[in-house]
């Protein structure tokens, strides 16, 4: 660095005194005035914002409130209260209207469907999927196959009390654990699986299926029926369609026979208010599989 004052001959601007390679010098050119004025204005605006609005945390807890006393939380609370008040009339109508009649009212059905959609995303999607398509062990709510019935009243009852939940009125069914409890040996389980698969038109070992039919009649008819169409009042699935909760492979069917399976759905009564549960039932029914 040189302390000698030097003015660049091309630009006429004084240099800073920094020199590189004995020839390259740095111009001492200030920032444009408009840029400096904008920068200072931003500083003044920030100071004014800190004074006017909540901004700085304080040691004792909380934050500086600002001279305007503005609160985003209070604004949101007012907006939520306003929205709730606007919806209160429709919610009251849904609360006192039977679910079957809600579906007959376009305005109520539209409101309940929208509310149910939101509640489904928050509470049901983790198990049934965002599109209600289900996954192994979690029913697809878009088809027309229902273990406990697909009428609006049936769906609402399932939502309220759950399946094998801790609620006193829960819907429950229990398939025997034929393998774990040594009710059938592996060969018999294999034969029953072959017969069950044959009920839905799947190619099977005919000899094994014939032997399995005898066992099916002894062990399974009470719940699934002579033709394997199931009984919704008992939550027993239809074995003649091609809709399988745990998979349609022979191994999956054998596993169901061996262990009895049996998933759990929570009871939403007490967790969600009655209007929300009714709205959820309307939404699930509207997905396309409702009866």
C-alpha atoms as a PDB file:
ATOM      1  CA  UNK A   1       0.000   0.000   0.000  1.00  0.00           C
ATOM      2  CA  UNK A   2       1.242   3.472  -0.833  1.00  0.00           C
ATOM      3  CA  UNK A   3       0.300   6.665   1.041  1.00  0.00           C
ATOM      4  CA  UNK A   4       0.937   8.764  -2.042  1.00  0.00           C
ATOM      5  CA  UNK A   5      -2.192  10.498  -3.381  1.00  0.00           C
ATOM      6  CA  UNK A   6      -2.978   9.283  -6.863  1.00  0.00           C
ATOM      7  CA  UNK A   7      -5.692  10.167  -9.344  1.00  0.00           C
ATOM      8  CA  UNK A   8      -6.621   7.771 -12.110  1.00  0.00           C
ATOM      9  CA  UNK A   9      -5.980   9.428 -15.463  1.00  0.00           C
ATOM     10  CA  UNK A  10      -8.860   7.677 -17.248  1.00  0.00           C
ATOM     11  CA  UNK A  11     -11.713   8.219 -14.764  1.00  0.00           C
ATOM     12  CA  UNK A  12     -10.357  11.168 -12.851  1.00  0.00           C
ATOM     13  CA  UNK A  13     -11.152   9.387  -9.586  1.00  0.00           C
ATOM     14  CA  UNK A  14      -8.697   9.273  -6.686  1.00  0.00           C
ATOM     15  CA  UNK A  15      -7.451   5.780  -5.804  1.00  0.00           C
ATOM     16  CA  UNK A  16      -7.311   4.167  -2.361  1.00  0.00           C
ATOM     17  CA  UNK A  17      -3.575   3.631  -2.458  1.00  0.00           C
ATOM     18  CA  UNK A  18      -3.858  -0.129  -2.943  1.00  0.00           C
ATOM     19  CA  UNK A  19      -1.573  -1.333  -5.713  1.00  0.00           C
ATOM     20  CA  UNK A  20      -1.159  -4.830  -7.192  1.00  0.00           C
ATOM     21  CA  UNK A  21       1.560  -5.941  -9.587  1.00  0.00           C
ATOM     22  CA  UNK A  22       2.943  -2.378  -9.585  1.00  0.00           C
ATOM     23  CA  UNK A  23       0.227  -1.291 -12.000  1.00  0.00           C
ATOM     24  CA  UNK A  24      -3.278  -2.192 -10.809  1.00  0.00           C
ATOM     25  CA  UNK A  25      -4.876   0.379  -8.514  1.00  0.00           C
ATOM     26  CA  UNK A  26      -8.245   0.457  -6.661  1.00  0.00           C
ATOM     27  CA  UNK A  27     -10.524   3.411  -7.283  1.00  0.00           C
ATOM     28  CA  UNK A  28     -11.851   5.193  -4.209  1.00  0.00           C
ATOM     29  CA  UNK A  29     -15.315   5.634  -5.694  1.00  0.00           C
ATOM     30  CA  UNK A  30     -18.201   6.105  -3.221  1.00  0.00           C
ATOM     31  CA  UNK A  31     -21.557   4.364  -3.541  1.00  0.00           C
ATOM     32  CA  UNK A  32     -24.251   6.177  -5.521  1.00  0.00           C
ATOM     33  CA  UNK A  33     -26.164   8.716  -3.468  1.00  0.00           C
ATOM     34  CA  UNK A  34     -29.542   7.077  -4.261  1.00  0.00           C
ATOM     35  CA  UNK A  35     -28.237   3.768  -2.906  1.00  0.00           C
ATOM     36  CA  UNK A  36     -27.048   5.359   0.332  1.00  0.00           C
ATOM     37  CA  UNK A  37     -30.318   7.220   0.795  1.00  0.00           C
ATOM     38  CA  UNK A  38     -32.275   3.969   0.262  1.00  0.00           C
ATOM     39  CA  UNK A  39     -30.052   2.184   2.774  1.00  0.00           C
ATOM     40  CA  UNK A  40     -30.541   4.878   5.417  1.00  0.00           C
ATOM     41  CA  UNK A  41     -34.302   4.886   4.757  1.00  0.00           C
ATOM     42  CA  UNK A  42     -34.418   1.127   5.361  1.00  0.00           C
ATOM     43  CA  UNK A  43     -32.628   1.582   8.667  1.00  0.00           C
ATOM     44  CA  UNK A  44     -35.102   4.271   9.743  1.00  0.00           C
ATOM     45  CA  UNK A  45     -38.034   2.065   8.631  1.00  0.00           C
ATOM     46  CA  UNK A  46     -36.665  -0.880  10.664  1.00  0.00           C
ATOM     47  CA  UNK A  47     -36.315   1.256  13.780  1.00  0.00           C
ATOM     48  CA  UNK A  48     -39.841   2.553  13.334  1.00  0.00           C
ATOM     49  CA  UNK A  49     -41.118  -1.015  12.878  1.00  0.00           C
ATOM     50  CA  UNK A  50     -39.390  -2.165  16.081  1.00  0.00           C
ATOM     51  CA  UNK A  51     -41.093   0.685  17.949  1.00  0.00           C
ATOM     52  CA  UNK A  52     -44.552   0.287  16.413  1.00  0.00           C
ATOM     53  CA  UNK A  53     -44.952  -3.501  16.280  1.00  0.00           C
ATOM     54  CA  UNK A  54     -44.058  -6.541  18.427  1.00  0.00           C
ATOM     55  CA  UNK A  55     -40.452  -7.280  17.654  1.00  0.00           C
ATOM     56  CA  UNK A  56     -37.875  -8.094  20.328  1.00  0.00           C
ATOM     57  CA  UNK A  57     -37.868 -10.933  22.871  1.00  0.00           C
ATOM     58  CA  UNK A  58     -37.255  -9.862  26.443  1.00  0.00           C
ATOM     59  CA  UNK A  59     -35.329 -11.634  29.203  1.00  0.00           C
ATOM     60  CA  UNK A  60     -38.336 -11.949  31.501  1.00  0.00           C
ATOM     61  CA  UNK A  61     -40.262 -13.794  28.812  1.00  0.00           C
ATOM     62  CA  UNK A  62     -42.560 -12.612  26.091  1.00  0.00           C
ATOM     63  CA  UNK A  63     -41.675  -9.809  23.711  1.00  0.00           C
ATOM     64  CA  UNK A  64     -41.962  -6.074  23.201  1.00  0.00           C
ATOM     65  CA  UNK A  65     -45.594  -5.290  22.380  1.00  0.00           C
ATOM     66  CA  UNK A  66     -45.061  -2.190  20.241  1.00  0.00           C
ATOM     67  CA  UNK A  67     -46.834   1.136  20.640  1.00  0.00           C
ATOM     68  CA  UNK A  68     -49.628   0.099  18.244  1.00  0.00           C
ATOM     69  CA  UNK A  69     -50.500  -2.950  20.319  1.00  0.00           C
ATOM     70  CA  UNK A  70     -50.879  -5.115  17.190  1.00  0.00           C
ATOM     71  CA  UNK A  71     -51.133  -8.898  17.606  1.00  0.00           C
ATOM     72  CA  UNK A  72     -51.295 -11.356  14.706  1.00  0.00           C
ATOM     73  CA  UNK A  73     -52.606 -14.028  17.079  1.00  0.00           C
ATOM     74  CA  UNK A  74     -55.492 -11.785  18.084  1.00  0.00           C
ATOM     75  CA  UNK A  75     -56.227 -11.089  14.408  1.00  0.00           C
ATOM     76  CA  UNK A  76     -56.317 -14.808  13.584  1.00  0.00           C
ATOM     77  CA  UNK A  77     -58.495 -15.494  16.633  1.00  0.00           C
ATOM     78  CA  UNK A  78     -60.984 -12.848  15.476  1.00  0.00           C
ATOM     79  CA  UNK A  79     -61.031 -14.285  11.957  1.00  0.00           C
ATOM     80  CA  UNK A  80     -61.600 -17.811  13.283  1.00  0.00           C
ATOM     81  CA  UNK A  81     -64.384 -16.566  15.547  1.00  0.00           C
ATOM     82  CA  UNK A  82     -66.003 -14.744  12.627  1.00  0.00           C
ATOM     83  CA  UNK A  83     -65.802 -17.852  10.425  1.00  0.00           C
ATOM     84  CA  UNK A  84     -67.204 -20.033  13.199  1.00  0.00           C
ATOM     85  CA  UNK A  85     -70.087 -17.641  13.742  1.00  0.00           C
ATOM     86  CA  UNK A  86     -70.832 -17.662  10.017  1.00  0.00           C
ATOM     87  CA  UNK A  87     -70.864 -21.467  10.022  1.00  0.00           C
ATOM     88  CA  UNK A  88     -72.794 -21.872  13.232  1.00  0.00           C
ATOM     89  CA  UNK A  89     -76.161 -21.893  11.485  1.00  0.00           C
ATOM     90  CA  UNK A  90     -75.199 -24.717   9.135  1.00  0.00           C
ATOM     91  CA  UNK A  91     -73.527 -26.650  11.928  1.00  0.00           C
ATOM     92  CA  UNK A  92     -76.672 -26.398  14.037  1.00  0.00           C
ATOM     93  CA  UNK A  93     -78.726 -27.728  11.141  1.00  0.00           C
ATOM     94  CA  UNK A  94     -76.342 -30.637  10.627  1.00  0.00           C
ATOM     95  CA  UNK A  95     -76.422 -31.411  14.346  1.00  0.00           C
ATOM     96  CA  UNK A  96     -80.214 -31.786  14.411  1.00  0.00           C
ATOM     97  CA  UNK A  97     -80.683 -33.334  10.935  1.00  0.00           C
ATOM     98  CA  UNK A  98     -80.507 -37.118  10.426  1.00  0.00           C
ATOM     99  CA  UNK A  99     -77.578 -38.011   8.219  1.00  0.00           C
ATOM    100  CA  UNK A 100     -79.830 -39.497   5.564  1.00  0.00           C
ATOM    101  CA  UNK A 101     -81.685 -36.197   5.247  1.00  0.00           C
ATOM    102  CA  UNK A 102     -78.418 -34.254   5.048  1.00  0.00           C
ATOM    103  CA  UNK A 103     -77.628 -36.056   1.809  1.00  0.00           C
ATOM    104  CA  UNK A 104     -80.986 -34.911   0.415  1.00  0.00           C
ATOM    105  CA  UNK A 105     -80.201 -31.253   1.088  1.00  0.00           C
ATOM    106  CA  UNK A 106     -77.681 -29.855  -1.444  1.00  0.00           C
ATOM    107  CA  UNK A 107     -76.565 -27.016   0.850  1.00  0.00           C
ATOM    108  CA  UNK A 108     -76.093 -29.175   3.937  1.00  0.00           C
ATOM    109  CA  UNK A 109     -74.478 -31.991   1.956  1.00  0.00           C
ATOM    110  CA  UNK A 110     -72.019 -29.576   0.332  1.00  0.00           C
ATOM    111  CA  UNK A 111     -71.074 -27.997   3.668  1.00  0.00           C
ATOM    112  CA  UNK A 112     -70.740 -31.372   5.426  1.00  0.00           C
ATOM    113  CA  UNK A 113     -68.674 -32.788   2.577  1.00  0.00           C
ATOM    114  CA  UNK A 114     -66.227 -29.856   2.728  1.00  0.00           C
ATOM    115  CA  UNK A 115     -65.929 -30.081   6.523  1.00  0.00           C
ATOM    116  CA  UNK A 116     -65.546 -33.863   6.360  1.00  0.00           C
ATOM    117  CA  UNK A 117     -62.837 -33.602   3.716  1.00  0.00           C
ATOM    118  CA  UNK A 118     -60.773 -31.334   5.958  1.00  0.00           C
ATOM    119  CA  UNK A 119     -61.267 -33.534   9.003  1.00  0.00           C
ATOM    120  CA  UNK A 120     -60.386 -36.643   6.983  1.00  0.00           C
ATOM    121  CA  UNK A 121     -57.070 -35.094   5.927  1.00  0.00           C
ATOM    122  CA  UNK A 122     -56.227 -34.309   9.543  1.00  0.00           C
ATOM    123  CA  UNK A 123     -57.394 -37.520  11.231  1.00  0.00           C
ATOM    124  CA  UNK A 124     -57.895 -40.374   8.760  1.00  0.00           C
ATOM    125  CA  UNK A 125     -55.390 -39.916   5.940  1.00  0.00           C
ATOM    126  CA  UNK A 126     -52.420 -41.338   7.912  1.00  0.00           C
ATOM    127  CA  UNK A 127     -54.061 -44.793   7.746  1.00  0.00           C
ATOM    128  CA  UNK A 128     -56.421 -44.680   4.770  1.00  0.00           C
ATOM    129  CA  UNK A 129     -54.255 -42.449   2.566  1.00  0.00           C
ATOM    130  CA  UNK A 130     -54.858 -38.911   1.358  1.00  0.00           C
ATOM    131  CA  UNK A 131     -57.044 -40.239  -1.430  1.00  0.00           C
ATOM    132  CA  UNK A 132     -58.788 -42.781   0.849  1.00  0.00           C
ATOM    133  CA  UNK A 133     -57.350 -45.540  -1.326  1.00  0.00           C
ATOM    134  CA  UNK A 134     -56.209 -47.557   1.674  1.00  0.00           C
ATOM    135  CA  UNK A 135     -53.273 -49.978   1.871  1.00  0.00           C
ATOM    136  CA  UNK A 136     -52.734 -53.549   3.127  1.00  0.00           C
ATOM    137  CA  UNK A 137     -54.607 -53.758   6.433  1.00  0.00           C
ATOM    138  CA  UNK A 138     -56.354 -50.401   5.925  1.00  0.00           C
ATOM    139  CA  UNK A 139     -59.601 -50.503   3.900  1.00  0.00           C
ATOM    140  CA  UNK A 140     -60.054 -48.721   0.610  1.00  0.00           C
ATOM    141  CA  UNK A 141     -62.960 -46.337   1.181  1.00  0.00           C
ATOM    142  CA  UNK A 142     -63.579 -45.760  -2.526  1.00  0.00           C
ATOM    143  CA  UNK A 143     -64.792 -49.240  -3.466  1.00  0.00           C
ATOM    144  CA  UNK A 144     -68.174 -50.776  -2.663  1.00  0.00           C
ATOM    145  CA  UNK A 145     -66.879 -53.461  -0.312  1.00  0.00           C
ATOM    146  CA  UNK A 146     -67.845 -52.794   3.311  1.00  0.00           C
ATOM    147  CA  UNK A 147     -67.158 -55.039   6.283  1.00  0.00           C
ATOM    148  CA  UNK A 148     -69.786 -53.321   8.441  1.00  0.00           C
ATOM    149  CA  UNK A 149     -72.065 -51.755   5.841  1.00  0.00           C
ATOM    150  CA  UNK A 150     -71.727 -48.724   3.588  1.00  0.00           C
ATOM    151  CA  UNK A 151     -74.928 -46.851   4.372  1.00  0.00           C
ATOM    152  CA  UNK A 152     -74.414 -43.377   5.899  1.00  0.00           C
ATOM    153  CA  UNK A 153     -75.729 -44.589   9.253  1.00  0.00           C
ATOM    154  CA  UNK A 154     -73.359 -47.590   9.190  1.00  0.00           C
ATOM    155  CA  UNK A 155     -70.361 -45.421   8.382  1.00  0.00           C
ATOM    156  CA  UNK A 156     -71.223 -42.962  11.152  1.00  0.00           C
ATOM    157  CA  UNK A 157     -71.548 -45.777  13.682  1.00  0.00           C
ATOM    158  CA  UNK A 158     -68.149 -47.133  12.688  1.00  0.00           C
ATOM    159  CA  UNK A 159     -66.640 -43.664  13.060  1.00  0.00           C
ATOM    160  CA  UNK A 160     -68.245 -43.091  16.438  1.00  0.00           C
ATOM    161  CA  UNK A 161     -67.358 -46.363  18.123  1.00  0.00           C
ATOM    162  CA  UNK A 162     -64.417 -47.677  16.101  1.00  0.00           C
ATOM    163  CA  UNK A 163     -63.449 -51.269  15.350  1.00  0.00           C
ATOM    164  CA  UNK A 164     -62.049 -53.356  18.215  1.00  0.00           C
ATOM    165  CA  UNK A 165     -61.424 -50.101  20.056  1.00  0.00           C
ATOM    166  CA  UNK A 166     -61.690 -49.409  23.777  1.00  0.00           C
ATOM    167  CA  UNK A 167     -65.164 -47.906  23.395  1.00  0.00           C
ATOM    168  CA  UNK A 168     -67.900 -49.895  25.134  1.00  0.00           C
ATOM    169  CA  UNK A 169     -70.009 -49.892  21.971  1.00  0.00           C
ATOM    170  CA  UNK A 170     -67.182 -50.669  19.570  1.00  0.00           C
ATOM    171  CA  UNK A 171     -67.842 -52.908  16.611  1.00  0.00           C
ATOM    172  CA  UNK A 172     -65.940 -56.104  17.051  1.00  0.00           C
ATOM    173  CA  UNK A 173     -65.434 -59.433  15.396  1.00  0.00           C
ATOM    174  CA  UNK A 174     -62.826 -62.066  16.045  1.00  0.00           C
ATOM    175  CA  UNK A 175     -61.632 -64.613  13.531  1.00  0.00           C
ATOM    176  CA  UNK A 176     -60.134 -67.679  15.229  1.00  0.00           C
ATOM    177  CA  UNK A 177     -56.364 -67.962  15.032  1.00  0.00           C
ATOM    178  CA  UNK A 178     -56.515 -71.383  13.430  1.00  0.00           C
ATOM    179  CA  UNK A 179     -52.770 -71.831  13.222  1.00  0.00           C
ATOM    180  CA  UNK A 180     -51.601 -70.141  16.394  1.00  0.00           C
ATOM    181  CA  UNK A 181     -54.191 -71.947  18.486  1.00  0.00           C
ATOM    182  CA  UNK A 182     -53.550 -75.298  16.746  1.00  0.00           C
ATOM    183  CA  UNK A 183     -57.115 -75.563  15.499  1.00  0.00           C
ATOM    184  CA  UNK A 184     -55.846 -76.515  12.036  1.00  0.00           C
ATOM    185  CA  UNK A 185     -52.482 -77.840  10.926  1.00  0.00           C
ATOM    186  CA  UNK A 186     -50.463 -76.369   8.076  1.00  0.00           C
ATOM    187  CA  UNK A 187     -51.838 -78.809   5.501  1.00  0.00           C
ATOM    188  CA  UNK A 188     -55.420 -77.961   6.449  1.00  0.00           C
ATOM    189  CA  UNK A 189     -54.676 -74.240   6.352  1.00  0.00           C
ATOM    190  CA  UNK A 190     -53.220 -74.693   2.888  1.00  0.00           C
ATOM    191  CA  UNK A 191     -56.367 -76.522   1.709  1.00  0.00           C
ATOM    192  CA  UNK A 192     -58.724 -73.903   3.171  1.00  0.00           C
ATOM    193  CA  UNK A 193     -56.710 -71.153   1.498  1.00  0.00           C
ATOM    194  CA  UNK A 194     -57.034 -72.959  -1.838  1.00  0.00           C
ATOM    195  CA  UNK A 195     -60.796 -73.179  -1.372  1.00  0.00           C
ATOM    196  CA  UNK A 196     -61.110 -69.527  -0.343  1.00  0.00           C
ATOM    197  CA  UNK A 197     -59.163 -68.435  -3.408  1.00  0.00           C
ATOM    198  CA  UNK A 198     -61.399 -70.566  -5.610  1.00  0.00           C
ATOM    199  CA  UNK A 199     -64.454 -68.654  -4.353  1.00  0.00           C
ATOM    200  CA  UNK A 200     -63.262 -65.540  -6.177  1.00  0.00           C
ATOM    201  CA  UNK A 201     -62.431 -67.407  -9.384  1.00  0.00           C
ATOM    202  CA  UNK A 202     -58.702 -67.682  -8.762  1.00  0.00           C
ATOM    203  CA  UNK A 203     -57.004 -70.723 -10.270  1.00  0.00           C
ATOM    204  CA  UNK A 204     -56.183 -73.152  -7.512  1.00  0.00           C
ATOM    205  CA  UNK A 205     -55.207 -76.730  -6.803  1.00  0.00           C
ATOM    206  CA  UNK A 206     -58.608 -78.370  -7.306  1.00  0.00           C
ATOM    207  CA  UNK A 207     -57.826 -81.337  -5.103  1.00  0.00           C
ATOM    208  CA  UNK A 208     -56.689 -79.119  -2.227  1.00  0.00           C
ATOM    209  CA  UNK A 209     -59.674 -76.795  -2.777  1.00  0.00           C
ATOM    210  CA  UNK A 210     -62.049 -79.750  -2.562  1.00  0.00           C
ATOM    211  CA  UNK A 211     -60.527 -80.866   0.733  1.00  0.00           C
ATOM    212  CA  UNK A 212     -60.583 -77.255   1.946  1.00  0.00           C
ATOM    213  CA  UNK A 213     -64.294 -76.964   1.150  1.00  0.00           C
ATOM    214  CA  UNK A 214     -65.040 -79.605   3.772  1.00  0.00           C
ATOM    215  CA  UNK A 215     -63.011 -77.750   6.389  1.00  0.00           C
ATOM    216  CA  UNK A 216     -64.577 -74.444   5.343  1.00  0.00           C
ATOM    217  CA  UNK A 217     -68.043 -75.874   5.921  1.00  0.00           C
ATOM    218  CA  UNK A 218     -67.052 -77.013   9.398  1.00  0.00           C
ATOM    219  CA  UNK A 219     -65.124 -73.931  10.499  1.00  0.00           C
ATOM    220  CA  UNK A 220     -66.018 -70.849   8.418  1.00  0.00           C
ATOM    221  CA  UNK A 221     -69.644 -70.995   7.269  1.00  0.00           C
ATOM    222  CA  UNK A 222     -71.025 -69.437  10.462  1.00  0.00           C
ATOM    223  CA  UNK A 223     -69.435 -66.084   9.678  1.00  0.00           C
ATOM    224  CA  UNK A 224     -68.712 -66.102   5.948  1.00  0.00           C
ATOM    225  CA  UNK A 225     -71.826 -67.993   4.825  1.00  0.00           C
ATOM    226  CA  UNK A 226     -72.275 -71.063   2.643  1.00  0.00           C
ATOM    227  CA  UNK A 227     -71.317 -69.164  -0.510  1.00  0.00           C
ATOM    228  CA  UNK A 228     -68.584 -67.106   1.153  1.00  0.00           C
ATOM    229  CA  UNK A 229     -70.351 -63.767   0.664  1.00  0.00           C
ATOM    230  CA  UNK A 230     -69.757 -62.718   4.256  1.00  0.00           C
ATOM    231  CA  UNK A 231     -72.069 -61.115   6.810  1.00  0.00           C
ATOM    232  CA  UNK A 232     -71.843 -57.379   7.440  1.00  0.00           C
ATOM    233  CA  UNK A 233     -73.609 -57.628  10.780  1.00  0.00           C
ATOM    234  CA  UNK A 234     -70.612 -59.645  11.968  1.00  0.00           C
ATOM    235  CA  UNK A 235     -67.930 -57.759  10.062  1.00  0.00           C
ATOM    236  CA  UNK A 236     -67.115 -60.924   8.100  1.00  0.00           C
ATOM    237  CA  UNK A 237     -65.683 -60.107   4.647  1.00  0.00           C
ATOM    238  CA  UNK A 238     -67.056 -61.268   1.332  1.00  0.00           C
ATOM    239  CA  UNK A 239     -64.668 -63.922  -0.002  1.00  0.00           C
ATOM    240  CA  UNK A 240     -66.176 -64.125  -3.479  1.00  0.00           C
ATOM    241  CA  UNK A 241     -65.033 -60.752  -4.804  1.00  0.00           C
ATOM    242  CA  UNK A 242     -61.482 -59.787  -5.694  1.00  0.00           C
ATOM    243  CA  UNK A 243     -61.127 -57.202  -2.949  1.00  0.00           C
ATOM    244  CA  UNK A 244     -58.647 -58.277  -0.280  1.00  0.00           C
ATOM    245  CA  UNK A 245     -57.786 -56.271   2.802  1.00  0.00           C
ATOM    246  CA  UNK A 246     -54.453 -57.994   3.410  1.00  0.00           C
ATOM    247  CA  UNK A 247     -53.624 -59.142  -0.125  1.00  0.00           C
ATOM    248  CA  UNK A 248     -54.842 -61.826  -2.520  1.00  0.00           C
ATOM    249  CA  UNK A 249     -51.740 -64.014  -2.636  1.00  0.00           C
ATOM    250  CA  UNK A 250     -51.979 -67.505  -1.225  1.00  0.00           C
ATOM    251  CA  UNK A 251     -49.398 -66.640   1.436  1.00  0.00           C
ATOM    252  CA  UNK A 252     -51.463 -63.638   2.536  1.00  0.00           C
ATOM    253  CA  UNK A 253     -54.647 -65.712   2.761  1.00  0.00           C
ATOM    254  CA  UNK A 254     -52.862 -68.443   4.716  1.00  0.00           C
ATOM    255  CA  UNK A 255     -51.472 -65.834   7.094  1.00  0.00           C
ATOM    256  CA  UNK A 256     -54.983 -64.505   7.722  1.00  0.00           C
ATOM    257  CA  UNK A 257     -56.234 -68.020   8.474  1.00  0.00           C
ATOM    258  CA  UNK A 258     -53.222 -68.791  10.641  1.00  0.00           C
ATOM    259  CA  UNK A 259     -53.233 -65.610  12.766  1.00  0.00           C
ATOM    260  CA  UNK A 260     -56.801 -64.341  12.492  1.00  0.00           C
ATOM    261  CA  UNK A 261     -55.494 -60.840  11.741  1.00  0.00           C
ATOM    262  CA  UNK A 262     -57.927 -58.153  12.992  1.00  0.00           C
ATOM    263  CA  UNK A 263     -57.008 -54.480  12.787  1.00  0.00           C
ATOM    264  CA  UNK A 264     -58.047 -51.707  15.164  1.00  0.00           C
ATOM    265  CA  UNK A 265     -59.735 -48.427  14.294  1.00  0.00           C
ATOM    266  CA  UNK A 266     -60.003 -45.816  17.047  1.00  0.00           C
ATOM    267  CA  UNK A 267     -63.364 -44.577  18.275  1.00  0.00           C
ATOM    268  CA  UNK A 268     -63.741 -40.922  17.338  1.00  0.00           C
ATOM    269  CA  UNK A 269     -66.596 -40.212  19.735  1.00  0.00           C
ATOM    270  CA  UNK A 270     -65.143 -37.966  22.409  1.00  0.00           C
ATOM    271  CA  UNK A 271     -62.220 -36.993  20.199  1.00  0.00           C
ATOM    272  CA  UNK A 272     -64.268 -35.242  17.540  1.00  0.00           C
ATOM    273  CA  UNK A 273     -67.524 -33.391  18.086  1.00  0.00           C
ATOM    274  CA  UNK A 274     -70.759 -34.968  16.774  1.00  0.00           C
ATOM    275  CA  UNK A 275     -71.073 -32.538  13.857  1.00  0.00           C
ATOM    276  CA  UNK A 276     -67.549 -33.330  12.670  1.00  0.00           C
ATOM    277  CA  UNK A 277     -68.200 -37.082  12.896  1.00  0.00           C
ATOM    278  CA  UNK A 278     -71.418 -36.695  10.930  1.00  0.00           C
ATOM    279  CA  UNK A 279     -69.596 -34.587   8.334  1.00  0.00           C
ATOM    280  CA  UNK A 280     -66.889 -37.229   8.081  1.00  0.00           C
ATOM    281  CA  UNK A 281     -69.537 -39.881   7.448  1.00  0.00           C
ATOM    282  CA  UNK A 282     -71.038 -37.743   4.667  1.00  0.00           C
ATOM    283  CA  UNK A 283     -67.619 -37.283   3.076  1.00  0.00           C
ATOM    284  CA  UNK A 284     -66.647 -40.959   3.252  1.00  0.00           C
ATOM    285  CA  UNK A 285     -70.034 -41.914   1.813  1.00  0.00           C
ATOM    286  CA  UNK A 286     -69.505 -39.446  -1.058  1.00  0.00           C
ATOM    287  CA  UNK A 287     -66.184 -41.014  -2.088  1.00  0.00           C
ATOM    288  CA  UNK A 288     -68.007 -43.408  -4.381  1.00  0.00           C
ATOM    289  CA  UNK A 289     -68.323 -46.599  -2.409  1.00  0.00           C
ATOM    290  CA  UNK A 290     -71.241 -45.646  -0.189  1.00  0.00           C
ATOM    291  CA  UNK A 291     -74.369 -47.736  -0.382  1.00  0.00           C
END
